[in-house]
Amino acid sequence: MAGWAPRLIDAVSMGCIPVLIADYTVYPYQHFLEYTTFAVVVREVEVAILEDILNAIPHEELVEMQLALAVVRDSFVYSHYSSNANVPPPPRNGPVDLATRELWLLRRELPFSKLTWERTCDK
């Protein structure tokens, strides 16, 4: 996959080890998930030798990656939530939880500008 796209979520939800081909891409929940444990990350300059890279991965490592993929799968797949008592609440490390935590981290990293706030309120 080149860059981040919904295909990443499709691959993970189907149990396929994603092959991520992109330099300088920010992946979903990368502050919380170690992508190298469940995905093959390839630099763009290595695309010409992609087949060799994939063939060089030992079977044992593929098995470990699939186990790791099973652990993180619920972080990408949305589940239906209802206030109905029979439906469980969203999972702790589900996509809504991780997206909320990512936003919280971004808010801490990006300084709140009073100037931006004043310009927004003046409109």
PDB file of N, CA and C in Angstrom:
ATOM      1  N   MET A   1       0.830  -1.173   0.000  1.00  0.00           N
ATOM      2  CA  MET A   1       0.000   0.000   0.000  1.00  0.00           C
ATOM      3  C   MET A   1       0.877   1.239   0.000  1.00  0.00           C
ATOM      4  N   ALA A   2       0.576   2.160  -0.820  1.00  0.00           N
ATOM      5  CA  ALA A   2       1.325   3.405  -0.862  1.00  0.00           C
ATOM      6  C   ALA A   2       0.621   4.421   0.017  1.00  0.00           C
ATOM      7  N   GLY A   3       1.292   4.850   1.059  1.00  0.00           N
ATOM      8  CA  GLY A   3       0.698   5.809   1.968  1.00  0.00           C
ATOM      9  C   GLY A   3      -0.399   5.191   2.811  1.00  0.00           C
ATOM     10  N   TRP A   4      -1.084   6.032   3.538  1.00  0.00           N
ATOM     11  CA  TRP A   4      -2.166   5.537   4.370  1.00  0.00           C
ATOM     12  C   TRP A   4      -3.459   5.650   3.587  1.00  0.00           C
ATOM     13  N   ALA A   5      -4.228   4.593   3.613  1.00  0.00           N
ATOM     14  CA  ALA A   5      -5.510   4.579   2.913  1.00  0.00           C
ATOM     15  C   ALA A   5      -6.432   3.600   3.622  1.00  0.00           C
ATOM     16  N   PRO A   6      -7.717   3.645   3.313  1.00  0.00           N
ATOM     17  CA  PRO A   6      -8.634   2.666   3.919  1.00  0.00           C
ATOM     18  C   PRO A   6      -8.236   1.223   3.629  1.00  0.00           C
ATOM     19  N   ARG A   7      -7.411   1.013   2.594  1.00  0.00           N
ATOM     20  CA  ARG A   7      -6.970  -0.357   2.303  1.00  0.00           C
ATOM     21  C   ARG A   7      -6.185  -0.958   3.463  1.00  0.00           C
ATOM     22  N   LEU A   8      -5.511  -0.124   4.250  1.00  0.00           N
ATOM     23  CA  LEU A   8      -4.801  -0.610   5.424  1.00  0.00           C
ATOM     24  C   LEU A   8      -5.781  -1.244   6.395  1.00  0.00           C
ATOM     25  N   ILE A   9      -6.868  -0.556   6.654  1.00  0.00           N
ATOM     26  CA  ILE A   9      -7.881  -1.079   7.569  1.00  0.00           C
ATOM     27  C   ILE A   9      -8.523  -2.325   6.981  1.00  0.00           C
ATOM     28  N   ASP A  10      -8.761  -2.330   5.671  1.00  0.00           N
ATOM     29  CA  ASP A  10      -9.317  -3.525   5.021  1.00  0.00           C
ATOM     30  C   ASP A  10      -8.389  -4.712   5.193  1.00  0.00           C
ATOM     31  N   ALA A  11      -7.101  -4.521   4.962  1.00  0.00           N
ATOM     32  CA  ALA A  11      -6.142  -5.618   5.085  1.00  0.00           C
ATOM     33  C   ALA A  11      -6.096  -6.149   6.512  1.00  0.00           C
ATOM     34  N   VAL A  12      -6.017  -5.252   7.479  1.00  0.00           N
ATOM     35  CA  VAL A  12      -5.948  -5.669   8.880  1.00  0.00           C
ATOM     36  C   VAL A  12      -7.223  -6.386   9.298  1.00  0.00           C
ATOM     37  N   SER A  13      -8.369  -5.866   8.907  1.00  0.00           N
ATOM     38  CA  SER A  13      -9.634  -6.501   9.311  1.00  0.00           C
ATOM     39  C   SER A  13      -9.810  -7.881   8.691  1.00  0.00           C
ATOM     40  N   MET A  14      -9.173  -8.122   7.533  1.00  0.00           N
ATOM     41  CA  MET A  14      -9.254  -9.432   6.883  1.00  0.00           C
ATOM     42  C   MET A  14      -8.155 -10.383   7.364  1.00  0.00           C
ATOM     43  N   GLY A  15      -7.261  -9.890   8.232  1.00  0.00           N
ATOM     44  CA  GLY A  15      -6.195 -10.737   8.755  1.00  0.00           C
ATOM     45  C   GLY A  15      -4.989 -10.840   7.852  1.00  0.00           C
ATOM     46  N   CYS A  16      -4.855  -9.933   6.890  1.00  0.00           N
ATOM     47  CA  CYS A  16      -3.713  -9.946   5.973  1.00  0.00           C
ATOM     48  C   CYS A  16      -2.618  -9.029   6.512  1.00  0.00           C
ATOM     49  N   ILE A  17      -1.387  -9.485   6.438  1.00  0.00           N
ATOM     50  CA  ILE A  17      -0.272  -8.654   6.865  1.00  0.00           C
ATOM     51  C   ILE A  17      -0.104  -7.538   5.829  1.00  0.00           C
ATOM     52  N   PRO A  18      -0.279  -6.286   6.241  1.00  0.00           N
ATOM     53  CA  PRO A  18      -0.154  -5.192   5.266  1.00  0.00           C
ATOM     54  C   PRO A  18       1.299  -4.936   4.893  1.00  0.00           C
ATOM     55  N   VAL A  19       1.515  -4.579   3.660  1.00  0.00           N
ATOM     56  CA  VAL A  19       2.823  -4.139   3.172  1.00  0.00           C
ATOM     57  C   VAL A  19       2.692  -2.642   2.935  1.00  0.00           C
ATOM     58  N   LEU A  20       3.395  -1.864   3.738  1.00  0.00           N
ATOM     59  CA  LEU A  20       3.277  -0.408   3.698  1.00  0.00           C
ATOM     60  C   LEU A  20       4.461   0.160   2.937  1.00  0.00           C
ATOM     61  N   ILE A  21       4.172   0.797   1.811  1.00  0.00           N
ATOM     62  CA  ILE A  21       5.202   1.370   0.956  1.00  0.00           C
ATOM     63  C   ILE A  21       5.052   2.879   0.980  1.00  0.00           C
ATOM     64  N   ALA A  22       5.829   3.528   1.810  1.00  0.00           N
ATOM     65  CA  ALA A  22       5.752   4.984   1.879  1.00  0.00           C
ATOM     66  C   ALA A  22       6.824   5.502   2.814  1.00  0.00           C
ATOM     67  N   ASP A  23       7.383   6.620   2.440  1.00  0.00           N
ATOM     68  CA  ASP A  23       8.317   7.332   3.307  1.00  0.00           C
ATOM     69  C   ASP A  23       7.565   8.489   3.943  1.00  0.00           C
ATOM     70  N   TYR A  24       7.850   8.753   5.181  1.00  0.00           N
ATOM     71  CA  TYR A  24       7.306   9.917   5.891  1.00  0.00           C
ATOM     72  C   TYR A  24       5.777   9.907   5.982  1.00  0.00           C
ATOM     73  N   THR A  25       5.209   8.742   6.147  1.00  0.00           N
ATOM     74  CA  THR A  25       3.760   8.644   6.282  1.00  0.00           C
ATOM     75  C   THR A  25       3.402   8.489   7.755  1.00  0.00           C
ATOM     76  N   VAL A  26       2.389   9.195   8.180  1.00  0.00           N
ATOM     77  CA  VAL A  26       1.884   9.063   9.539  1.00  0.00           C
ATOM     78  C   VAL A  26       0.726   8.079   9.481  1.00  0.00           C
ATOM     79  N   TYR A  27       0.869   6.986  10.186  1.00  0.00           N
ATOM     80  CA  TYR A  27      -0.151   5.939  10.178  1.00  0.00           C
ATOM     81  C   TYR A  27      -1.093   6.096  11.359  1.00  0.00           C
ATOM     82  N   PRO A  28      -2.305   5.577  11.232  1.00  0.00           N
ATOM     83  CA  PRO A  28      -3.265   5.709  12.331  1.00  0.00           C
ATOM     84  C   PRO A  28      -2.736   5.072  13.614  1.00  0.00           C
ATOM     85  N   TYR A  29      -2.859   5.800  14.696  1.00  0.00           N
ATOM     86  CA  TYR A  29      -2.522   5.314  16.034  1.00  0.00           C
ATOM     87  C   TYR A  29      -1.054   4.921  16.170  1.00  0.00           C
ATOM     88  N   GLN A  30      -0.165   5.520  15.396  1.00  0.00           N
ATOM     89  CA  GLN A  30       1.232   5.110  15.436  1.00  0.00           C
ATOM     90  C   GLN A  30       1.909   5.436  16.761  1.00  0.00           C
ATOM     91  N   HIS A  31       1.308   6.298  17.562  1.00  0.00           N
ATOM     92  CA  HIS A  31       1.844   6.543  18.904  1.00  0.00           C
ATOM     93  C   HIS A  31       1.578   5.363  19.833  1.00  0.00           C
ATOM     94  N   PHE A  32       0.623   4.522  19.480  1.00  0.00           N
ATOM     95  CA  PHE A  32       0.216   3.438  20.370  1.00  0.00           C
ATOM     96  C   PHE A  32       0.493   2.049  19.809  1.00  0.00           C
ATOM     97  N   LEU A  33       0.640   1.934  18.501  1.00  0.00           N
ATOM     98  CA  LEU A  33       0.842   0.633  17.868  1.00  0.00           C
ATOM     99  C   LEU A  33       2.215   0.576  17.208  1.00  0.00           C
ATOM    100  N   GLU A  34       2.923  -0.510  17.406  1.00  0.00           N
ATOM    101  CA  GLU A  34       4.219  -0.712  16.767  1.00  0.00           C
ATOM    102  C   GLU A  34       3.989  -1.448  15.458  1.00  0.00           C
ATOM    103  N   TYR A  35       3.953  -0.700  14.359  1.00  0.00           N
ATOM    104  CA  TYR A  35       3.594  -1.253  13.056  1.00  0.00           C
ATOM    105  C   TYR A  35       4.535  -2.348  12.585  1.00  0.00           C
ATOM    106  N   THR A  36       5.796  -2.278  12.957  1.00  0.00           N
ATOM    107  CA  THR A  36       6.745  -3.285  12.476  1.00  0.00           C
ATOM    108  C   THR A  36       6.475  -4.669  13.052  1.00  0.00           C
ATOM    109  N   THR A  37       5.629  -4.757  14.081  1.00  0.00           N
ATOM    110  CA  THR A  37       5.306  -6.081  14.635  1.00  0.00           C
ATOM    111  C   THR A  37       4.229  -6.801  13.832  1.00  0.00           C
ATOM    112  N   PHE A  38       3.421  -6.054  13.061  1.00  0.00           N
ATOM    113  CA  PHE A  38       2.335  -6.701  12.324  1.00  0.00           C
ATOM    114  C   PHE A  38       2.257  -6.292  10.852  1.00  0.00           C
ATOM    115  N   ALA A  39       3.196  -5.478  10.378  1.00  0.00           N
ATOM    116  CA  ALA A  39       3.192  -5.032   8.978  1.00  0.00           C
ATOM    117  C   ALA A  39       4.615  -5.036   8.439  1.00  0.00           C
ATOM    118  N   VAL A  40       4.720  -5.150   7.138  1.00  0.00           N
ATOM    119  CA  VAL A  40       6.013  -5.033   6.466  1.00  0.00           C
ATOM    120  C   VAL A  40       6.118  -3.593   5.972  1.00  0.00           C
ATOM    121  N   VAL A  41       7.109  -2.880   6.456  1.00  0.00           N
ATOM    122  CA  VAL A  41       7.293  -1.481   6.083  1.00  0.00           C
ATOM    123  C   VAL A  41       8.470  -1.404   5.117  1.00  0.00           C
ATOM    124  N   VAL A  42       8.205  -0.854   3.934  1.00  0.00           N
ATOM    125  CA  VAL A  42       9.198  -0.784   2.865  1.00  0.00           C
ATOM    126  C   VAL A  42       9.340   0.665   2.427  1.00  0.00           C
ATOM    127  N   ARG A  43      10.582   1.089   2.270  1.00  0.00           N
ATOM    128  CA  ARG A  43      10.806   2.447   1.759  1.00  0.00           C
ATOM    129  C   ARG A  43      10.494   2.486   0.269  1.00  0.00           C
ATOM    130  N   GLU A  44      10.152   3.668  -0.215  1.00  0.00           N
ATOM    131  CA  GLU A  44       9.770   3.814  -1.620  1.00  0.00           C
ATOM    132  C   GLU A  44      10.896   3.412  -2.569  1.00  0.00           C
ATOM    133  N   VAL A  45      12.148   3.656  -2.192  1.00  0.00           N
ATOM    134  CA  VAL A  45      13.273   3.292  -3.062  1.00  0.00           C
ATOM    135  C   VAL A  45      13.479   1.783  -3.139  1.00  0.00           C
ATOM    136  N   GLU A  46      12.849   1.038  -2.243  1.00  0.00           N
ATOM    137  CA  GLU A  46      12.992  -0.418  -2.222  1.00  0.00           C
ATOM    138  C   GLU A  46      11.899  -1.149  -2.992  1.00  0.00           C
ATOM    139  N   VAL A  47      11.028  -0.423  -3.647  1.00  0.00           N
ATOM    140  CA  VAL A  47       9.928  -1.048  -4.379  1.00  0.00           C
ATOM    141  C   VAL A  47      10.442  -2.003  -5.457  1.00  0.00           C
ATOM    142  N   ALA A  48      11.549  -1.665  -6.081  1.00  0.00           N
ATOM    143  CA  ALA A  48      12.097  -2.508  -7.145  1.00  0.00           C
ATOM    144  C   ALA A  48      12.491  -3.898  -6.630  1.00  0.00           C
ATOM    145  N   ILE A  49      12.825  -3.986  -5.346  1.00  0.00           N
ATOM    146  CA  ILE A  49      13.228  -5.278  -4.776  1.00  0.00           C
ATOM    147  C   ILE A  49      12.190  -5.807  -3.787  1.00  0.00           C
ATOM    148  N   LEU A  50      10.956  -5.349  -3.936  1.00  0.00           N
ATOM    149  CA  LEU A  50       9.890  -5.740  -3.011  1.00  0.00           C
ATOM    150  C   LEU A  50       9.704  -7.248  -2.949  1.00  0.00           C
ATOM    151  N   GLU A  51       9.718  -7.903  -4.086  1.00  0.00           N
ATOM    152  CA  GLU A  51       9.535  -9.356  -4.104  1.00  0.00           C
ATOM    153  C   GLU A  51      10.634 -10.048  -3.307  1.00  0.00           C
ATOM    154  N   ASP A  52      11.867  -9.594  -3.439  1.00  0.00           N
ATOM    155  CA  ASP A  52      12.976 -10.176  -2.683  1.00  0.00           C
ATOM    156  C   ASP A  52      12.804  -9.945  -1.182  1.00  0.00           C
ATOM    157  N   ILE A  53      12.352  -8.750  -0.819  1.00  0.00           N
ATOM    158  CA  ILE A  53      12.134  -8.429   0.596  1.00  0.00           C
ATOM    159  C   ILE A  53      11.076  -9.358   1.189  1.00  0.00           C
ATOM    160  N   LEU A  54       9.974  -9.531   0.472  1.00  0.00           N
ATOM    161  CA  LEU A  54       8.891 -10.374   0.973  1.00  0.00           C
ATOM    162  C   LEU A  54       9.305 -11.842   1.032  1.00  0.00           C
ATOM    163  N   ASN A  55      10.036 -12.307   0.037  1.00  0.00           N
ATOM    164  CA  ASN A  55      10.488 -13.699   0.033  1.00  0.00           C
ATOM    165  C   ASN A  55      11.520 -13.984   1.112  1.00  0.00           C
ATOM    166  N   ALA A  56      12.219 -12.951   1.584  1.00  0.00           N
ATOM    167  CA  ALA A  56      13.256 -13.127   2.600  1.00  0.00           C
ATOM    168  C   ALA A  56      12.699 -13.212   4.025  1.00  0.00           C
ATOM    169  N   ILE A  57      11.423 -12.944   4.197  1.00  0.00           N
ATOM    170  CA  ILE A  57      10.834 -13.001   5.542  1.00  0.00           C
ATOM    171  C   ILE A  57      10.647 -14.465   5.928  1.00  0.00           C
ATOM    172  N   PRO A  58      11.254 -14.901   7.045  1.00  0.00           N
ATOM    173  CA  PRO A  58      11.109 -16.293   7.466  1.00  0.00           C
ATOM    174  C   PRO A  58       9.674 -16.614   7.886  1.00  0.00           C
ATOM    175  N   HIS A  59       9.298 -17.871   7.720  1.00  0.00           N
ATOM    176  CA  HIS A  59       7.944 -18.318   8.049  1.00  0.00           C
ATOM    177  C   HIS A  59       7.610 -18.034   9.517  1.00  0.00           C
ATOM    178  N   GLU A  60       8.568 -18.238  10.411  1.00  0.00           N
ATOM    179  CA  GLU A  60       8.335 -18.005  11.838  1.00  0.00           C
ATOM    180  C   GLU A  60       7.988 -16.543  12.109  1.00  0.00           C
ATOM    181  N   GLU A  61       8.655 -15.636  11.393  1.00  0.00           N
ATOM    182  CA  GLU A  61       8.368 -14.209  11.557  1.00  0.00           C
ATOM    183  C   GLU A  61       6.974 -13.871  11.039  1.00  0.00           C
ATOM    184  N   LEU A  62       6.568 -14.506   9.955  1.00  0.00           N
ATOM    185  CA  LEU A  62       5.206 -14.289   9.436  1.00  0.00           C
ATOM    186  C   LEU A  62       4.162 -14.757  10.438  1.00  0.00           C
ATOM    187  N   VAL A  63       4.429 -15.884  11.094  1.00  0.00           N
ATOM    188  CA  VAL A  63       3.498 -16.384  12.113  1.00  0.00           C
ATOM    189  C   VAL A  63       3.407 -15.395  13.269  1.00  0.00           C
ATOM    190  N   GLU A  64       4.550 -14.870  13.713  1.00  0.00           N
ATOM    191  CA  GLU A  64       4.550 -13.870  14.790  1.00  0.00           C
ATOM    192  C   GLU A  64       3.800 -12.608  14.371  1.00  0.00           C
ATOM    193  N   MET A  65       3.983 -12.194  13.128  1.00  0.00           N
ATOM    194  CA  MET A  65       3.287 -11.003  12.642  1.00  0.00           C
ATOM    195  C   MET A  65       1.783 -11.228  12.596  1.00  0.00           C
ATOM    196  N   GLN A  66       1.361 -12.413  12.210  1.00  0.00           N
ATOM    197  CA  GLN A  66      -0.076 -12.698  12.176  1.00  0.00           C
ATOM    198  C   GLN A  66      -0.665 -12.733  13.580  1.00  0.00           C
ATOM    199  N   LEU A  67       0.092 -13.236  14.553  1.00  0.00           N
ATOM    200  CA  LEU A  67      -0.374 -13.207  15.943  1.00  0.00           C
ATOM    201  C   LEU A  67      -0.489 -11.760  16.436  1.00  0.00           C
ATOM    202  N   ALA A  68       0.507 -10.948  16.115  1.00  0.00           N
ATOM    203  CA  ALA A  68       0.455  -9.526  16.502  1.00  0.00           C
ATOM    204  C   ALA A  68      -0.700  -8.821  15.799  1.00  0.00           C
ATOM    205  N   LEU A  69      -0.949  -9.196  14.561  1.00  0.00           N
ATOM    206  CA  LEU A  69      -2.054  -8.616  13.800  1.00  0.00           C
ATOM    207  C   LEU A  69      -3.392  -8.941  14.461  1.00  0.00           C
ATOM    208  N   ALA A  70      -3.519 -10.159  14.963  1.00  0.00           N
ATOM    209  CA  ALA A  70      -4.757 -10.545  15.650  1.00  0.00           C
ATOM    210  C   ALA A  70      -4.963  -9.711  16.916  1.00  0.00           C
ATOM    211  N   VAL A  71      -3.867  -9.333  17.569  1.00  0.00           N
ATOM    212  CA  VAL A  71      -3.961  -8.524  18.784  1.00  0.00           C
ATOM    213  C   VAL A  71      -4.419  -7.096  18.463  1.00  0.00           C
ATOM    214  N   VAL A  72      -3.899  -6.508  17.377  1.00  0.00           N
ATOM    215  CA  VAL A  72      -4.221  -5.112  17.062  1.00  0.00           C
ATOM    216  C   VAL A  72      -5.448  -4.961  16.178  1.00  0.00           C
ATOM    217  N   ARG A  73      -5.997  -6.043  15.689  1.00  0.00           N
ATOM    218  CA  ARG A  73      -7.122  -5.991  14.749  1.00  0.00           C
ATOM    219  C   ARG A  73      -8.272  -5.134  15.279  1.00  0.00           C
ATOM    220  N   ASP A  74      -8.625  -5.306  16.536  1.00  0.00           N
ATOM    221  CA  ASP A  74      -9.748  -4.564  17.105  1.00  0.00           C
ATOM    222  C   ASP A  74      -9.475  -3.061  17.193  1.00  0.00           C
ATOM    223  N   SER A  75      -8.215  -2.669  17.060  1.00  0.00           N
ATOM    224  CA  SER A  75      -7.888  -1.245  17.064  1.00  0.00           C
ATOM    225  C   SER A  75      -8.288  -0.570  15.756  1.00  0.00           C
ATOM    226  N   PHE A  76      -8.557  -1.355  14.722  1.00  0.00           N
ATOM    227  CA  PHE A  76      -8.905  -0.813  13.408  1.00  0.00           C
ATOM    228  C   PHE A  76     -10.366  -1.032  13.031  1.00  0.00           C
ATOM    229  N   VAL A  77     -11.021  -1.969  13.687  1.00  0.00           N
ATOM    230  CA  VAL A  77     -12.372  -2.360  13.288  1.00  0.00           C
ATOM    231  C   VAL A  77     -13.383  -1.746  14.244  1.00  0.00           C
ATOM    232  N   TYR A  78     -14.316  -0.986  13.684  1.00  0.00           N
ATOM    233  CA  TYR A  78     -15.363  -0.367  14.499  1.00  0.00           C
ATOM    234  C   TYR A  78     -16.408  -1.394  14.863  1.00  0.00           C
ATOM    235  N   SER A  79     -16.868  -1.312  16.096  1.00  0.00           N
ATOM    236  CA  SER A  79     -17.953  -2.186  16.517  1.00  0.00           C
ATOM    237  C   SER A  79     -19.169  -1.326  16.810  1.00  0.00           C
ATOM    238  N   HIS A  80     -20.319  -1.906  16.629  1.00  0.00           N
ATOM    239  CA  HIS A  80     -21.558  -1.181  16.877  1.00  0.00           C
ATOM    240  C   HIS A  80     -21.752  -1.003  18.374  1.00  0.00           C
ATOM    241  N   TYR A  81     -22.102   0.198  18.785  1.00  0.00           N
ATOM    242  CA  TYR A  81     -22.361   0.459  20.195  1.00  0.00           C
ATOM    243  C   TYR A  81     -23.735   1.088  20.332  1.00  0.00           C
ATOM    244  N   SER A  82     -24.434   0.631  21.314  1.00  0.00           N
ATOM    245  CA  SER A  82     -25.766   1.156  21.587  1.00  0.00           C
ATOM    246  C   SER A  82     -25.908   1.319  23.087  1.00  0.00           C
ATOM    247  N   SER A  83     -26.826   2.145  23.504  1.00  0.00           N
ATOM    248  CA  SER A  83     -27.072   2.291  24.941  1.00  0.00           C
ATOM    249  C   SER A  83     -27.834   1.097  25.491  1.00  0.00           C
ATOM    250  N   ASN A  84     -28.229   0.214  24.595  1.00  0.00           N
ATOM    251  CA  ASN A  84     -28.904  -1.013  25.002  1.00  0.00           C
ATOM    252  C   ASN A  84     -27.985  -1.804  25.933  1.00  0.00           C
ATOM    253  N   ALA A  85     -28.510  -2.311  27.025  1.00  0.00           N
ATOM    254  CA  ALA A  85     -27.697  -3.025  28.011  1.00  0.00           C
ATOM    255  C   ALA A  85     -27.123  -4.323  27.457  1.00  0.00           C
ATOM    256  N   ASN A  86     -27.708  -4.869  26.393  1.00  0.00           N
ATOM    257  CA  ASN A  86     -27.224  -6.127  25.841  1.00  0.00           C
ATOM    258  C   ASN A  86     -26.019  -5.959  24.916  1.00  0.00           C
ATOM    259  N   VAL A  87     -25.706  -4.734  24.531  1.00  0.00           N
ATOM    260  CA  VAL A  87     -24.591  -4.482  23.622  1.00  0.00           C
ATOM    261  C   VAL A  87     -23.414  -3.965  24.449  1.00  0.00           C
ATOM    262  N   PRO A  88     -22.251  -4.611  24.345  1.00  0.00           N
ATOM    263  CA  PRO A  88     -21.109  -4.148  25.146  1.00  0.00           C
ATOM    264  C   PRO A  88     -20.599  -2.792  24.677  1.00  0.00           C
ATOM    265  N   PRO A  89     -19.959  -2.036  25.571  1.00  0.00           N
ATOM    266  CA  PRO A  89     -19.409  -0.727  25.177  1.00  0.00           C
ATOM    267  C   PRO A  89     -18.235  -0.914  24.215  1.00  0.00           C
ATOM    268  N   PRO A  90     -17.813   0.156  23.545  1.00  0.00           N
ATOM    269  CA  PRO A  90     -16.673   0.052  22.623  1.00  0.00           C
ATOM    270  C   PRO A  90     -15.434  -0.438  23.365  1.00  0.00           C
ATOM    271  N   PRO A  91     -14.564  -1.177  22.697  1.00  0.00           N
ATOM    272  CA  PRO A  91     -13.376  -1.705  23.363  1.00  0.00           C
ATOM    273  C   PRO A  91     -12.412  -0.608  23.786  1.00  0.00           C
ATOM    274  N   ARG A  92     -11.668  -0.876  24.826  1.00  0.00           N
ATOM    275  CA  ARG A  92     -10.712   0.096  25.382  1.00  0.00           C
ATOM    276  C   ARG A  92      -9.696   0.539  24.328  1.00  0.00           C
ATOM    277  N   ASN A  93      -9.183  -0.346  23.537  1.00  0.00           N
ATOM    278  CA  ASN A  93      -8.200   0.021  22.521  1.00  0.00           C
ATOM    279  C   ASN A  93      -8.791  -0.016  21.119  1.00  0.00           C
ATOM    280  N   GLY A  94     -10.061   0.266  21.030  1.00  0.00           N
ATOM    281  CA  GLY A  94     -10.729   0.309  19.735  1.00  0.00           C
ATOM    282  C   GLY A  94     -10.398   1.599  19.001  1.00  0.00           C
ATOM    283  N   PRO A  95     -10.892   1.740  17.777  1.00  0.00           N
ATOM    284  CA  PRO A  95     -10.552   2.923  16.979  1.00  0.00           C
ATOM    285  C   PRO A  95     -11.027   4.238  17.583  1.00  0.00           C
ATOM    286  N   VAL A  96     -12.175   4.239  18.226  1.00  0.00           N
ATOM    287  CA  VAL A  96     -12.667   5.491  18.822  1.00  0.00           C
ATOM    288  C   VAL A  96     -11.772   5.886  19.990  1.00  0.00           C
ATOM    289  N   ASP A  97     -11.410   4.922  20.824  1.00  0.00           N
ATOM    290  CA  ASP A  97     -10.539   5.184  21.963  1.00  0.00           C
ATOM    291  C   ASP A  97      -9.165   5.671  21.499  1.00  0.00           C
ATOM    292  N   LEU A  98      -8.574   4.982  20.526  1.00  0.00           N
ATOM    293  CA  LEU A  98      -7.243   5.371  20.051  1.00  0.00           C
ATOM    294  C   LEU A  98      -7.270   6.712  19.331  1.00  0.00           C
ATOM    295  N   ALA A  99      -8.325   6.973  18.558  1.00  0.00           N
ATOM    296  CA  ALA A  99      -8.429   8.269  17.877  1.00  0.00           C
ATOM    297  C   ALA A  99      -8.551   9.401  18.901  1.00  0.00           C
ATOM    298  N   THR A 100      -9.297   9.175  19.950  1.00  0.00           N
ATOM    299  CA  THR A 100      -9.439  10.179  21.002  1.00  0.00           C
ATOM    300  C   THR A 100      -8.102  10.436  21.681  1.00  0.00           C
ATOM    301  N   ARG A 101      -7.369   9.372  21.964  1.00  0.00           N
ATOM    302  CA  ARG A 101      -6.060   9.535  22.592  1.00  0.00           C
ATOM    303  C   ARG A 101      -5.069  10.218  21.649  1.00  0.00           C
ATOM    304  N   GLU A 102      -5.143   9.912  20.346  1.00  0.00           N
ATOM    305  CA  GLU A 102      -4.279  10.594  19.367  1.00  0.00           C
ATOM    306  C   GLU A 102      -4.577  12.094  19.361  1.00  0.00           C
ATOM    307  N   LEU A 103      -5.857  12.453  19.366  1.00  0.00           N
ATOM    308  CA  LEU A 103      -6.228  13.874  19.394  1.00  0.00           C
ATOM    309  C   LEU A 103      -5.722  14.542  20.661  1.00  0.00           C
ATOM    310  N   TRP A 104      -5.798  13.849  21.785  1.00  0.00           N
ATOM    311  CA  TRP A 104      -5.316  14.393  23.049  1.00  0.00           C
ATOM    312  C   TRP A 104      -3.810  14.650  22.960  1.00  0.00           C
ATOM    313  N   LEU A 105      -3.067  13.690  22.372  1.00  0.00           N
ATOM    314  CA  LEU A 105      -1.627  13.880  22.210  1.00  0.00           C
ATOM    315  C   LEU A 105      -1.317  15.051  21.276  1.00  0.00           C
ATOM    316  N   LEU A 106      -2.039  15.143  20.168  1.00  0.00           N
ATOM    317  CA  LEU A 106      -1.832  16.265  19.241  1.00  0.00           C
ATOM    318  C   LEU A 106      -2.110  17.602  19.915  1.00  0.00           C
ATOM    319  N   ARG A 107      -3.134  17.638  20.702  1.00  0.00           N
ATOM    320  CA  ARG A 107      -3.489  18.878  21.394  1.00  0.00           C
ATOM    321  C   ARG A 107      -2.371  19.281  22.355  1.00  0.00           C
ATOM    322  N   ARG A 108      -1.714  18.303  22.959  1.00  0.00           N
ATOM    323  CA  ARG A 108      -0.598  18.593  23.872  1.00  0.00           C
ATOM    324  C   ARG A 108       0.642  19.045  23.100  1.00  0.00           C
ATOM    325  N   GLU A 109       0.840  18.494  21.886  1.00  0.00           N
ATOM    326  CA  GLU A 109       2.027  18.826  21.097  1.00  0.00           C
ATOM    327  C   GLU A 109       1.898  20.175  20.396  1.00  0.00           C
ATOM    328  N   LEU A 110       0.698  20.522  19.970  1.00  0.00           N
ATOM    329  CA  LEU A 110       0.484  21.774  19.250  1.00  0.00           C
ATOM    330  C   LEU A 110       0.071  22.852  20.235  1.00  0.00           C
ATOM    331  N   PRO A 111       0.829  23.939  20.316  1.00  0.00           N
ATOM    332  CA  PRO A 111       0.479  24.990  21.272  1.00  0.00           C
ATOM    333  C   PRO A 111      -0.815  25.692  20.868  1.00  0.00           C
ATOM    334  N   PHE A 112      -1.586  26.031  21.849  1.00  0.00           N
ATOM    335  CA  PHE A 112      -2.838  26.734  21.607  1.00  0.00           C
ATOM    336  C   PHE A 112      -2.513  28.209  21.394  1.00  0.00           C
ATOM    337  N   SER A 113      -2.837  28.729  20.245  1.00  0.00           N
ATOM    338  CA  SER A 113      -2.504  30.100  19.908  1.00  0.00           C
ATOM    339  C   SER A 113      -3.669  31.026  20.237  1.00  0.00           C
ATOM    340  N   LYS A 114      -3.396  31.995  21.073  1.00  0.00           N
ATOM    341  CA  LYS A 114      -4.428  32.976  21.412  1.00  0.00           C
ATOM    342  C   LYS A 114      -4.843  33.752  20.173  1.00  0.00           C
ATOM    343  N   LEU A 115      -3.867  34.035  19.286  1.00  0.00           N
ATOM    344  CA  LEU A 115      -4.157  34.761  18.061  1.00  0.00           C
ATOM    345  C   LEU A 115      -5.137  33.983  17.186  1.00  0.00           C
ATOM    346  N   THR A 116      -4.939  32.696  17.059  1.00  0.00           N
ATOM    347  CA  THR A 116      -5.850  31.859  16.276  1.00  0.00           C
ATOM    348  C   THR A 116      -7.235  31.879  16.893  1.00  0.00           C
ATOM    349  N   TRP A 117      -7.293  31.791  18.205  1.00  0.00           N
ATOM    350  CA  TRP A 117      -8.575  31.805  18.893  1.00  0.00           C
ATOM    351  C   TRP A 117      -9.306  33.118  18.650  1.00  0.00           C
ATOM    352  N   GLU A 118      -8.601  34.248  18.732  1.00  0.00           N
ATOM    353  CA  GLU A 118      -9.229  35.542  18.502  1.00  0.00           C
ATOM    354  C   GLU A 118      -9.737  35.673  17.061  1.00  0.00           C
ATOM    355  N   ARG A 119      -8.958  35.204  16.104  1.00  0.00           N
ATOM    356  CA  ARG A 119      -9.392  35.285  14.703  1.00  0.00           C
ATOM    357  C   ARG A 119     -10.624  34.427  14.459  1.00  0.00           C
ATOM    358  N   THR A 120     -10.698  33.284  15.082  1.00  0.00           N
ATOM    359  CA  THR A 120     -11.839  32.380  14.923  1.00  0.00           C
ATOM    360  C   THR A 120     -13.079  33.007  15.528  1.00  0.00           C
ATOM    361  N   CYS A 121     -12.939  33.633  16.687  1.00  0.00           N
ATOM    362  CA  CYS A 121     -14.094  34.220  17.381  1.00  0.00           C
ATOM    363  C   CYS A 121     -14.595  35.486  16.718  1.00  0.00           C
ATOM    364  N   ASP A 122     -13.729  36.169  15.976  1.00  0.00           N
ATOM    365  CA  ASP A 122     -14.136  37.417  15.339  1.00  0.00           C
ATOM    366  C   ASP A 122     -15.026  37.198  14.131  1.00  0.00           C
ATOM    367  N   LYS A 123     -15.063  35.988  13.593  1.00  0.00           N
ATOM    368  CA  LYS A 123     -15.843  35.727  12.382  1.00  0.00           C
ATOM    369  C   LYS A 123     -17.316  35.613  12.656  1.00  0.00           C
TER     370      LYS A 123
END
